[in-house]
Amino acid sequence: MDVITFGQRQQNQHYITRLAVYAVMRDPQTGKIAVIQKKDGMLFLPGGGIETYETYEDCLTREVLEETGMDVEIGDFIGRANQYFYSKNETTYYL
């Protein structure tokens, strides 16, 4: 499976690797996909950064519960990607 990369590495910036997991949650009746809308209007899949003590599954379960209030049953792994981004909240560059 190919790994897709989103964003571009900015020259002269130090990047910190941040592992994260996200859920693709599809309503079987409507076919709609769940997204989280941030205060700035940006849309994201439910999920987020993995804490040091967590497995991928533990993180996904926790993040989905925090963001949607839903307990989930984790299904199949569907892909992997890298993303270069700058976190305004943490003033940090991540990969």
PDB file of N, CA and C in Angstrom:
ATOM      1  N   MET A   1       0.845  -1.174   0.000  1.00  0.00           N
ATOM      2  CA  MET A   1       0.000   0.000   0.000  1.00  0.00           C
ATOM      3  C   MET A   1       0.893   1.240   0.000  1.00  0.00           C
ATOM      4  N   ASP A   2       0.657   2.146  -0.944  1.00  0.00           N
ATOM      5  CA  ASP A   2       1.411   3.388  -1.004  1.00  0.00           C
ATOM      6  C   ASP A   2       1.019   4.310   0.144  1.00  0.00           C
ATOM      7  N   VAL A   3       1.975   5.106   0.599  1.00  0.00           N
ATOM      8  CA  VAL A   3       1.722   6.093   1.646  1.00  0.00           C
ATOM      9  C   VAL A   3       1.651   7.461   0.974  1.00  0.00           C
ATOM     10  N   ILE A   4       0.499   8.108   1.090  1.00  0.00           N
ATOM     11  CA  ILE A   4       0.282   9.427   0.502  1.00  0.00           C
ATOM     12  C   ILE A   4       0.795  10.474   1.486  1.00  0.00           C
ATOM     13  N   THR A   5       1.384  11.561   0.968  1.00  0.00           N
ATOM     14  CA  THR A   5       1.838  12.654   1.815  1.00  0.00           C
ATOM     15  C   THR A   5       1.062  13.910   1.461  1.00  0.00           C
ATOM     16  N   PHE A   6       0.506  14.551   2.483  1.00  0.00           N
ATOM     17  CA  PHE A   6      -0.222  15.808   2.321  1.00  0.00           C
ATOM     18  C   PHE A   6       0.641  16.946   2.851  1.00  0.00           C
ATOM     19  N   GLY A   7       0.530  18.103   2.224  1.00  0.00           N
ATOM     20  CA  GLY A   7       1.304  19.269   2.638  1.00  0.00           C
ATOM     21  C   GLY A   7       2.720  19.194   2.119  1.00  0.00           C
ATOM     22  N   GLN A   8       3.474  20.222   2.420  1.00  0.00           N
ATOM     23  CA  GLN A   8       4.868  20.271   1.989  1.00  0.00           C
ATOM     24  C   GLN A   8       5.753  20.669   3.153  1.00  0.00           C
ATOM     25  N   ARG A   9       6.921  20.081   3.178  1.00  0.00           N
ATOM     26  CA  ARG A   9       7.900  20.397   4.217  1.00  0.00           C
ATOM     27  C   ARG A   9       8.429  21.809   3.983  1.00  0.00           C
ATOM     28  N   GLN A  10       8.374  22.640   5.012  1.00  0.00           N
ATOM     29  CA  GLN A  10       8.903  23.995   4.940  1.00  0.00           C
ATOM     30  C   GLN A  10      10.399  23.947   5.262  1.00  0.00           C
ATOM     31  N   GLN A  11      11.191  24.600   4.445  1.00  0.00           N
ATOM     32  CA  GLN A  11      12.633  24.611   4.676  1.00  0.00           C
ATOM     33  C   GLN A  11      12.962  25.323   5.988  1.00  0.00           C
ATOM     34  N   ASN A  12      14.050  24.893   6.606  1.00  0.00           N
ATOM     35  CA  ASN A  12      14.577  25.501   7.840  1.00  0.00           C
ATOM     36  C   ASN A  12      13.600  25.410   9.022  1.00  0.00           C
ATOM     37  N   GLN A  13      12.743  24.398   9.031  1.00  0.00           N
ATOM     38  CA  GLN A  13      11.823  24.179  10.155  1.00  0.00           C
ATOM     39  C   GLN A  13      12.097  22.804  10.754  1.00  0.00           C
ATOM     40  N   HIS A  14      12.022  22.722  12.052  1.00  0.00           N
ATOM     41  CA  HIS A  14      12.184  21.442  12.751  1.00  0.00           C
ATOM     42  C   HIS A  14      10.806  20.803  12.907  1.00  0.00           C
ATOM     43  N   TYR A  15      10.673  19.563  12.455  1.00  0.00           N
ATOM     44  CA  TYR A  15       9.401  18.847  12.534  1.00  0.00           C
ATOM     45  C   TYR A  15       9.457  17.783  13.624  1.00  0.00           C
ATOM     46  N   ILE A  16       8.360  17.636  14.333  1.00  0.00           N
ATOM     47  CA  ILE A  16       8.200  16.596  15.345  1.00  0.00           C
ATOM     48  C   ILE A  16       7.219  15.563  14.791  1.00  0.00           C
ATOM     49  N   THR A  17       7.584  14.291  14.884  1.00  0.00           N
ATOM     50  CA  THR A  17       6.675  13.233  14.437  1.00  0.00           C
ATOM     51  C   THR A  17       5.558  13.093  15.464  1.00  0.00           C
ATOM     52  N   ARG A  18       4.333  13.128  14.975  1.00  0.00           N
ATOM     53  CA  ARG A  18       3.164  12.981  15.843  1.00  0.00           C
ATOM     54  C   ARG A  18       2.280  11.887  15.250  1.00  0.00           C
ATOM     55  N   LEU A  19       2.188  10.752  15.930  1.00  0.00           N
ATOM     56  CA  LEU A  19       1.332   9.669  15.462  1.00  0.00           C
ATOM     57  C   LEU A  19      -0.114   9.974  15.831  1.00  0.00           C
ATOM     58  N   ALA A  20      -1.010   9.690  14.920  1.00  0.00           N
ATOM     59  CA  ALA A  20      -2.433   9.938  15.146  1.00  0.00           C
ATOM     60  C   ALA A  20      -3.254   8.902  14.387  1.00  0.00           C
ATOM     61  N   VAL A  21      -4.503   8.750  14.803  1.00  0.00           N
ATOM     62  CA  VAL A  21      -5.440   7.861  14.116  1.00  0.00           C
ATOM     63  C   VAL A  21      -6.765   8.588  13.925  1.00  0.00           C
ATOM     64  N   TYR A  22      -7.442   8.238  12.843  1.00  0.00           N
ATOM     65  CA  TYR A  22      -8.724   8.872  12.513  1.00  0.00           C
ATOM     66  C   TYR A  22      -9.709   7.815  12.051  1.00  0.00           C
ATOM     67  N   ALA A  23     -10.985   8.073  12.300  1.00  0.00           N
ATOM     68  CA  ALA A  23     -12.037   7.121  11.958  1.00  0.00           C
ATOM     69  C   ALA A  23     -12.822   7.608  10.746  1.00  0.00           C
ATOM     70  N   VAL A  24     -13.144   6.681   9.867  1.00  0.00           N
ATOM     71  CA  VAL A  24     -14.108   6.936   8.805  1.00  0.00           C
ATOM     72  C   VAL A  24     -15.385   6.245   9.256  1.00  0.00           C
ATOM     73  N   MET A  25     -16.341   7.061   9.705  1.00  0.00           N
ATOM     74  CA  MET A  25     -17.595   6.542  10.262  1.00  0.00           C
ATOM     75  C   MET A  25     -18.719   6.850   9.274  1.00  0.00           C
ATOM     76  N   ARG A  26     -19.282   5.797   8.695  1.00  0.00           N
ATOM     77  CA  ARG A  26     -20.313   5.954   7.669  1.00  0.00           C
ATOM     78  C   ARG A  26     -21.663   5.506   8.205  1.00  0.00           C
ATOM     79  N   ASP A  27     -22.664   6.357   8.044  1.00  0.00           N
ATOM     80  CA  ASP A  27     -24.033   5.998   8.424  1.00  0.00           C
ATOM     81  C   ASP A  27     -24.558   5.032   7.366  1.00  0.00           C
ATOM     82  N   PRO A  28     -24.903   3.800   7.740  1.00  0.00           N
ATOM     83  CA  PRO A  28     -25.333   2.819   6.747  1.00  0.00           C
ATOM     84  C   PRO A  28     -26.653   3.178   6.055  1.00  0.00           C
ATOM     85  N   GLN A  29     -27.478   4.004   6.684  1.00  0.00           N
ATOM     86  CA  GLN A  29     -28.762   4.370   6.076  1.00  0.00           C
ATOM     87  C   GLN A  29     -28.626   5.506   5.075  1.00  0.00           C
ATOM     88  N   THR A  30     -27.809   6.511   5.409  1.00  0.00           N
ATOM     89  CA  THR A  30     -27.703   7.684   4.528  1.00  0.00           C
ATOM     90  C   THR A  30     -26.429   7.703   3.696  1.00  0.00           C
ATOM     91  N   GLY A  31     -25.424   6.935   4.134  1.00  0.00           N
ATOM     92  CA  GLY A  31     -24.137   6.941   3.447  1.00  0.00           C
ATOM     93  C   GLY A  31     -23.262   8.126   3.828  1.00  0.00           C
ATOM     94  N   LYS A  32     -23.747   8.990   4.716  1.00  0.00           N
ATOM     95  CA  LYS A  32     -22.974  10.164   5.124  1.00  0.00           C
ATOM     96  C   LYS A  32     -21.796   9.749   5.999  1.00  0.00           C
ATOM     97  N   ILE A  33     -20.698  10.529   5.883  1.00  0.00           N
ATOM     98  CA  ILE A  33     -19.487  10.305   6.659  1.00  0.00           C
ATOM     99  C   ILE A  33     -19.434  11.329   7.784  1.00  0.00           C
ATOM    100  N   ALA A  34     -19.111  10.894   8.999  1.00  0.00           N
ATOM    101  CA  ALA A  34     -19.025  11.789  10.156  1.00  0.00           C
ATOM    102  C   ALA A  34     -17.784  12.665  10.044  1.00  0.00           C
ATOM    103  N   VAL A  35     -17.953  13.962  10.297  1.00  0.00           N
ATOM    104  CA  VAL A  35     -16.834  14.898  10.368  1.00  0.00           C
ATOM    105  C   VAL A  35     -17.007  15.781  11.599  1.00  0.00           C
ATOM    106  N   ILE A  36     -15.902  16.324  12.052  1.00  0.00           N
ATOM    107  CA  ILE A  36     -15.888  17.256  13.174  1.00  0.00           C
ATOM    108  C   ILE A  36     -15.611  18.637  12.591  1.00  0.00           C
ATOM    109  N   GLN A  37     -16.446  19.621  12.931  1.00  0.00           N
ATOM    110  CA  GLN A  37     -16.220  20.986  12.454  1.00  0.00           C
ATOM    111  C   GLN A  37     -15.629  21.810  13.599  1.00  0.00           C
ATOM    112  N   LYS A  38     -14.435  22.350  13.355  1.00  0.00           N
ATOM    113  CA  LYS A  38     -13.753  23.173  14.361  1.00  0.00           C
ATOM    114  C   LYS A  38     -14.342  24.579  14.356  1.00  0.00           C
ATOM    115  N   LYS A  39     -13.979  25.374  15.349  1.00  0.00           N
ATOM    116  CA  LYS A  39     -14.487  26.742  15.473  1.00  0.00           C
ATOM    117  C   LYS A  39     -14.172  27.598  14.248  1.00  0.00           C
ATOM    118  N   ASP A  40     -13.041  27.312  13.593  1.00  0.00           N
ATOM    119  CA  ASP A  40     -12.648  28.091  12.419  1.00  0.00           C
ATOM    120  C   ASP A  40     -13.316  27.594  11.128  1.00  0.00           C
ATOM    121  N   GLY A  41     -14.198  26.596  11.262  1.00  0.00           N
ATOM    122  CA  GLY A  41     -14.928  26.077  10.108  1.00  0.00           C
ATOM    123  C   GLY A  41     -14.262  24.892   9.426  1.00  0.00           C
ATOM    124  N   MET A  42     -13.027  24.577   9.792  1.00  0.00           N
ATOM    125  CA  MET A  42     -12.324  23.453   9.169  1.00  0.00           C
ATOM    126  C   MET A  42     -13.000  22.145   9.560  1.00  0.00           C
ATOM    127  N   LEU A  43     -12.982  21.186   8.642  1.00  0.00           N
ATOM    128  CA  LEU A  43     -13.596  19.877   8.866  1.00  0.00           C
ATOM    129  C   LEU A  43     -12.513  18.809   8.984  1.00  0.00           C
ATOM    130  N   PHE A  44     -12.698  17.893   9.931  1.00  0.00           N
ATOM    131  CA  PHE A  44     -11.753  16.817  10.160  1.00  0.00           C
ATOM    132  C   PHE A  44     -12.510  15.528  10.444  1.00  0.00           C
ATOM    133  N   LEU A  45     -11.864  14.406  10.193  1.00  0.00           N
ATOM    134  CA  LEU A  45     -12.404  13.124  10.624  1.00  0.00           C
ATOM    135  C   LEU A  45     -12.251  13.028  12.136  1.00  0.00           C
ATOM    136  N   PRO A  46     -13.134  12.311  12.822  1.00  0.00           N
ATOM    137  CA  PRO A  46     -12.961  12.101  14.256  1.00  0.00           C
ATOM    138  C   PRO A  46     -11.642  11.355  14.511  1.00  0.00           C
ATOM    139  N   GLY A  47     -10.906  11.801  15.504  1.00  0.00           N
ATOM    140  CA  GLY A  47      -9.636  11.158  15.840  1.00  0.00           C
ATOM    141  C   GLY A  47      -8.639  12.161  16.346  1.00  0.00           C
ATOM    142  N   GLY A  48      -7.402  11.728  16.494  1.00  0.00           N
ATOM    143  CA  GLY A  48      -6.373  12.634  16.965  1.00  0.00           C
ATOM    144  C   GLY A  48      -5.115  11.918  17.389  1.00  0.00           C
ATOM    145  N   GLY A  49      -4.269  12.663  18.113  1.00  0.00           N
ATOM    146  CA  GLY A  49      -2.944  12.193  18.489  1.00  0.00           C
ATOM    147  C   GLY A  49      -2.941  11.081  19.515  1.00  0.00           C
ATOM    148  N   ILE A  50      -2.015  10.161  19.308  1.00  0.00           N
ATOM    149  CA  ILE A  50      -1.854   9.014  20.196  1.00  0.00           C
ATOM    150  C   ILE A  50      -0.987   9.420  21.384  1.00  0.00           C
ATOM    151  N   GLU A  51      -1.499   9.164  22.593  1.00  0.00           N
ATOM    152  CA  GLU A  51      -0.735   9.424  23.813  1.00  0.00           C
ATOM    153  C   GLU A  51       0.308   8.322  23.984  1.00  0.00           C
ATOM    154  N   THR A  52       1.355   8.601  24.720  1.00  0.00           N
ATOM    155  CA  THR A  52       2.472   7.667  24.897  1.00  0.00           C
ATOM    156  C   THR A  52       2.026   6.280  25.332  1.00  0.00           C
ATOM    157  N   TYR A  53       1.061   6.211  26.219  1.00  0.00           N
ATOM    158  CA  TYR A  53       0.628   4.942  26.814  1.00  0.00           C
ATOM    159  C   TYR A  53      -0.425   4.206  25.981  1.00  0.00           C
ATOM    160  N   GLU A  54      -0.896   4.785  24.884  1.00  0.00           N
ATOM    161  CA  GLU A  54      -2.043   4.230  24.151  1.00  0.00           C
ATOM    162  C   GLU A  54      -1.650   3.373  22.953  1.00  0.00           C
ATOM    163  N   THR A  55      -2.516   2.400  22.678  1.00  0.00           N
ATOM    164  CA  THR A  55      -2.445   1.692  21.403  1.00  0.00           C
ATOM    165  C   THR A  55      -3.242   2.506  20.390  1.00  0.00           C
ATOM    166  N   TYR A  56      -3.122   2.162  19.134  1.00  0.00           N
ATOM    167  CA  TYR A  56      -3.911   2.837  18.098  1.00  0.00           C
ATOM    168  C   TYR A  56      -5.405   2.703  18.403  1.00  0.00           C
ATOM    169  N   GLU A  57      -5.812   1.505  18.777  1.00  0.00           N
ATOM    170  CA  GLU A  57      -7.224   1.246  19.054  1.00  0.00           C
ATOM    171  C   GLU A  57      -7.723   2.031  20.268  1.00  0.00           C
ATOM    172  N   ASP A  58      -6.895   2.070  21.322  1.00  0.00           N
ATOM    173  CA  ASP A  58      -7.267   2.831  22.520  1.00  0.00           C
ATOM    174  C   ASP A  58      -7.452   4.306  22.178  1.00  0.00           C
ATOM    175  N   CYS A  59      -6.526   4.847  21.401  1.00  0.00           N
ATOM    176  CA  CYS A  59      -6.597   6.257  21.023  1.00  0.00           C
ATOM    177  C   CYS A  59      -7.849   6.533  20.204  1.00  0.00           C
ATOM    178  N   LEU A  60      -8.115   5.694  19.222  1.00  0.00           N
ATOM    179  CA  LEU A  60      -9.274   5.926  18.359  1.00  0.00           C
ATOM    180  C   LEU A  60     -10.573   5.864  19.159  1.00  0.00           C
ATOM    181  N   THR A  61     -10.670   4.888  20.057  1.00  0.00           N
ATOM    182  CA  THR A  61     -11.853   4.769  20.903  1.00  0.00           C
ATOM    183  C   THR A  61     -12.028   6.020  21.761  1.00  0.00           C
ATOM    184  N   ARG A  62     -10.943   6.484  22.390  1.00  0.00           N
ATOM    185  CA  ARG A  62     -10.999   7.670  23.249  1.00  0.00           C
ATOM    186  C   ARG A  62     -11.350   8.922  22.461  1.00  0.00           C
ATOM    187  N   GLU A  63     -10.679   9.139  21.340  1.00  0.00           N
ATOM    188  CA  GLU A  63     -10.904  10.352  20.548  1.00  0.00           C
ATOM    189  C   GLU A  63     -12.329  10.425  19.999  1.00  0.00           C
ATOM    190  N   VAL A  64     -12.835   9.304  19.483  1.00  0.00           N
ATOM    191  CA  VAL A  64     -14.196   9.297  18.948  1.00  0.00           C
ATOM    192  C   VAL A  64     -15.201   9.569  20.066  1.00  0.00           C
ATOM    193  N   LEU A  65     -14.995   8.971  21.228  1.00  0.00           N
ATOM    194  CA  LEU A  65     -15.879   9.217  22.360  1.00  0.00           C
ATOM    195  C   LEU A  65     -15.838  10.693  22.770  1.00  0.00           C
ATOM    196  N   GLU A  66     -14.641  11.277  22.863  1.00  0.00           N
ATOM    197  CA  GLU A  66     -14.505  12.689  23.242  1.00  0.00           C
ATOM    198  C   GLU A  66     -15.181  13.621  22.234  1.00  0.00           C
ATOM    199  N   GLU A  67     -15.026  13.318  20.963  1.00  0.00           N
ATOM    200  CA  GLU A  67     -15.486  14.239  19.919  1.00  0.00           C
ATOM    201  C   GLU A  67     -16.929  14.029  19.481  1.00  0.00           C
ATOM    202  N   THR A  68     -17.443  12.815  19.649  1.00  0.00           N
ATOM    203  CA  THR A  68     -18.804  12.536  19.164  1.00  0.00           C
ATOM    204  C   THR A  68     -19.744  12.044  20.266  1.00  0.00           C
ATOM    205  N   GLY A  69     -19.184  11.594  21.389  1.00  0.00           N
ATOM    206  CA  GLY A  69     -19.999  10.999  22.438  1.00  0.00           C
ATOM    207  C   GLY A  69     -20.414   9.578  22.128  1.00  0.00           C
ATOM    208  N   MET A  70     -19.816   8.982  21.097  1.00  0.00           N
ATOM    209  CA  MET A  70     -20.203   7.642  20.661  1.00  0.00           C
ATOM    210  C   MET A  70     -19.134   6.612  21.015  1.00  0.00           C
ATOM    211  N   ASP A  71     -19.584   5.434  21.484  1.00  0.00           N
ATOM    212  CA  ASP A  71     -18.693   4.283  21.600  1.00  0.00           C
ATOM    213  C   ASP A  71     -18.651   3.630  20.228  1.00  0.00           C
ATOM    214  N   VAL A  72     -17.475   3.202  19.801  1.00  0.00           N
ATOM    215  CA  VAL A  72     -17.356   2.636  18.462  1.00  0.00           C
ATOM    216  C   VAL A  72     -16.789   1.228  18.497  1.00  0.00           C
ATOM    217  N   GLU A  73     -17.118   0.499  17.483  1.00  0.00           N
ATOM    218  CA  GLU A  73     -16.501  -0.791  17.227  1.00  0.00           C
ATOM    219  C   GLU A  73     -15.538  -0.551  16.078  1.00  0.00           C
ATOM    220  N   ILE A  74     -14.276  -0.802  16.301  1.00  0.00           N
ATOM    221  CA  ILE A  74     -13.266  -0.513  15.280  1.00  0.00           C
ATOM    222  C   ILE A  74     -13.267  -1.614  14.236  1.00  0.00           C
ATOM    223  N   GLY A  75     -13.358  -1.207  12.986  1.00  0.00           N
ATOM    224  CA  GLY A  75     -13.369  -2.145  11.869  1.00  0.00           C
ATOM    225  C   GLY A  75     -11.989  -2.281  11.248  1.00  0.00           C
ATOM    226  N   ASP A  76     -11.977  -2.427   9.947  1.00  0.00           N
ATOM    227  CA  ASP A  76     -10.743  -2.669   9.204  1.00  0.00           C
ATOM    228  C   ASP A  76      -9.881  -1.410   9.073  1.00  0.00           C
ATOM    229  N   PHE A  77      -8.576  -1.614   9.046  1.00  0.00           N
ATOM    230  CA  PHE A  77      -7.617  -0.569   8.738  1.00  0.00           C
ATOM    231  C   PHE A  77      -7.727  -0.286   7.246  1.00  0.00           C
ATOM    232  N   ILE A  78      -7.831   0.984   6.850  1.00  0.00           N
ATOM    233  CA  ILE A  78      -8.022   1.269   5.425  1.00  0.00           C
ATOM    234  C   ILE A  78      -6.903   2.068   4.775  1.00  0.00           C
ATOM    235  N   GLY A  79      -5.953   2.576   5.540  1.00  0.00           N
ATOM    236  CA  GLY A  79      -4.870   3.286   4.884  1.00  0.00           C
ATOM    237  C   GLY A  79      -3.994   4.056   5.838  1.00  0.00           C
ATOM    238  N   ARG A  80      -2.931   4.613   5.266  1.00  0.00           N
ATOM    239  CA  ARG A  80      -1.948   5.372   6.027  1.00  0.00           C
ATOM    240  C   ARG A  80      -1.516   6.564   5.196  1.00  0.00           C
ATOM    241  N   ALA A  81      -1.268   7.679   5.876  1.00  0.00           N
ATOM    242  CA  ALA A  81      -0.802   8.879   5.178  1.00  0.00           C
ATOM    243  C   ALA A  81       0.120   9.672   6.088  1.00  0.00           C
ATOM    244  N   ASN A  82       0.938  10.503   5.495  1.00  0.00           N
ATOM    245  CA  ASN A  82       1.758  11.463   6.221  1.00  0.00           C
ATOM    246  C   ASN A  82       1.223  12.847   5.919  1.00  0.00           C
ATOM    247  N   GLN A  83       1.356  13.758   6.873  1.00  0.00           N
ATOM    248  CA  GLN A  83       0.922  15.133   6.647  1.00  0.00           C
ATOM    249  C   GLN A  83       1.887  16.095   7.327  1.00  0.00           C
ATOM    250  N   TYR A  84       2.409  17.036   6.549  1.00  0.00           N
ATOM    251  CA  TYR A  84       3.195  18.127   7.117  1.00  0.00           C
ATOM    252  C   TYR A  84       2.217  19.223   7.497  1.00  0.00           C
ATOM    253  N   PHE A  85       2.274  19.688   8.755  1.00  0.00           N
ATOM    254  CA  PHE A  85       1.401  20.791   9.129  1.00  0.00           C
ATOM    255  C   PHE A  85       1.975  21.570  10.304  1.00  0.00           C
ATOM    256  N   TYR A  86       1.486  22.793  10.446  1.00  0.00           N
ATOM    257  CA  TYR A  86       1.891  23.671  11.532  1.00  0.00           C
ATOM    258  C   TYR A  86       0.722  23.817  12.476  1.00  0.00           C
ATOM    259  N   SER A  87       0.944  23.569  13.759  1.00  0.00           N
ATOM    260  CA  SER A  87      -0.097  23.709  14.767  1.00  0.00           C
ATOM    261  C   SER A  87      -0.011  25.103  15.371  1.00  0.00           C
ATOM    262  N   LYS A  88      -1.007  25.929  15.085  1.00  0.00           N
ATOM    263  CA  LYS A  88      -1.043  27.285  15.644  1.00  0.00           C
ATOM    264  C   LYS A  88      -1.190  27.238  17.164  1.00  0.00           C
ATOM    265  N   ASN A  89      -1.965  26.271  17.658  1.00  0.00           N
ATOM    266  CA  ASN A  89      -2.193  26.155  19.104  1.00  0.00           C
ATOM    267  C   ASN A  89      -0.911  25.825  19.869  1.00  0.00           C
ATOM    268  N   GLU A  90      -0.056  25.009  19.248  1.00  0.00           N
ATOM    269  CA  GLU A  90       1.157  24.558  19.931  1.00  0.00           C
ATOM    270  C   GLU A  90       2.414  25.198  19.359  1.00  0.00           C
ATOM    271  N   THR A  91       2.262  26.038  18.351  1.00  0.00           N
ATOM    272  CA  THR A  91       3.375  26.671  17.629  1.00  0.00           C
ATOM    273  C   THR A  91       4.482  25.658  17.303  1.00  0.00           C
ATOM    274  N   THR A  92       4.059  24.552  16.708  1.00  0.00           N
ATOM    275  CA  THR A  92       4.961  23.444  16.400  1.00  0.00           C
ATOM    276  C   THR A  92       4.685  22.946  14.993  1.00  0.00           C
ATOM    277  N   TYR A  93       5.746  22.509  14.312  1.00  0.00           N
ATOM    278  CA  TYR A  93       5.618  21.870  13.012  1.00  0.00           C
ATOM    279  C   TYR A  93       5.605  20.363  13.220  1.00  0.00           C
ATOM    280  N   TYR A  94       4.640  19.706  12.603  1.00  0.00           N
ATOM    281  CA  TYR A  94       4.499  18.257  12.761  1.00  0.00           C
ATOM    282  C   TYR A  94       4.562  17.541  11.429  1.00  0.00           C
ATOM    283  N   LEU A  95       4.998  16.313  11.499  1.00  0.00           N
ATOM    284  CA  LEU A  95       4.908  15.360  10.390  1.00  0.00           C
ATOM    285  C   LEU A  95       4.192  14.158  10.946  1.00  0.00           C
TER     286      LEU A  95
END
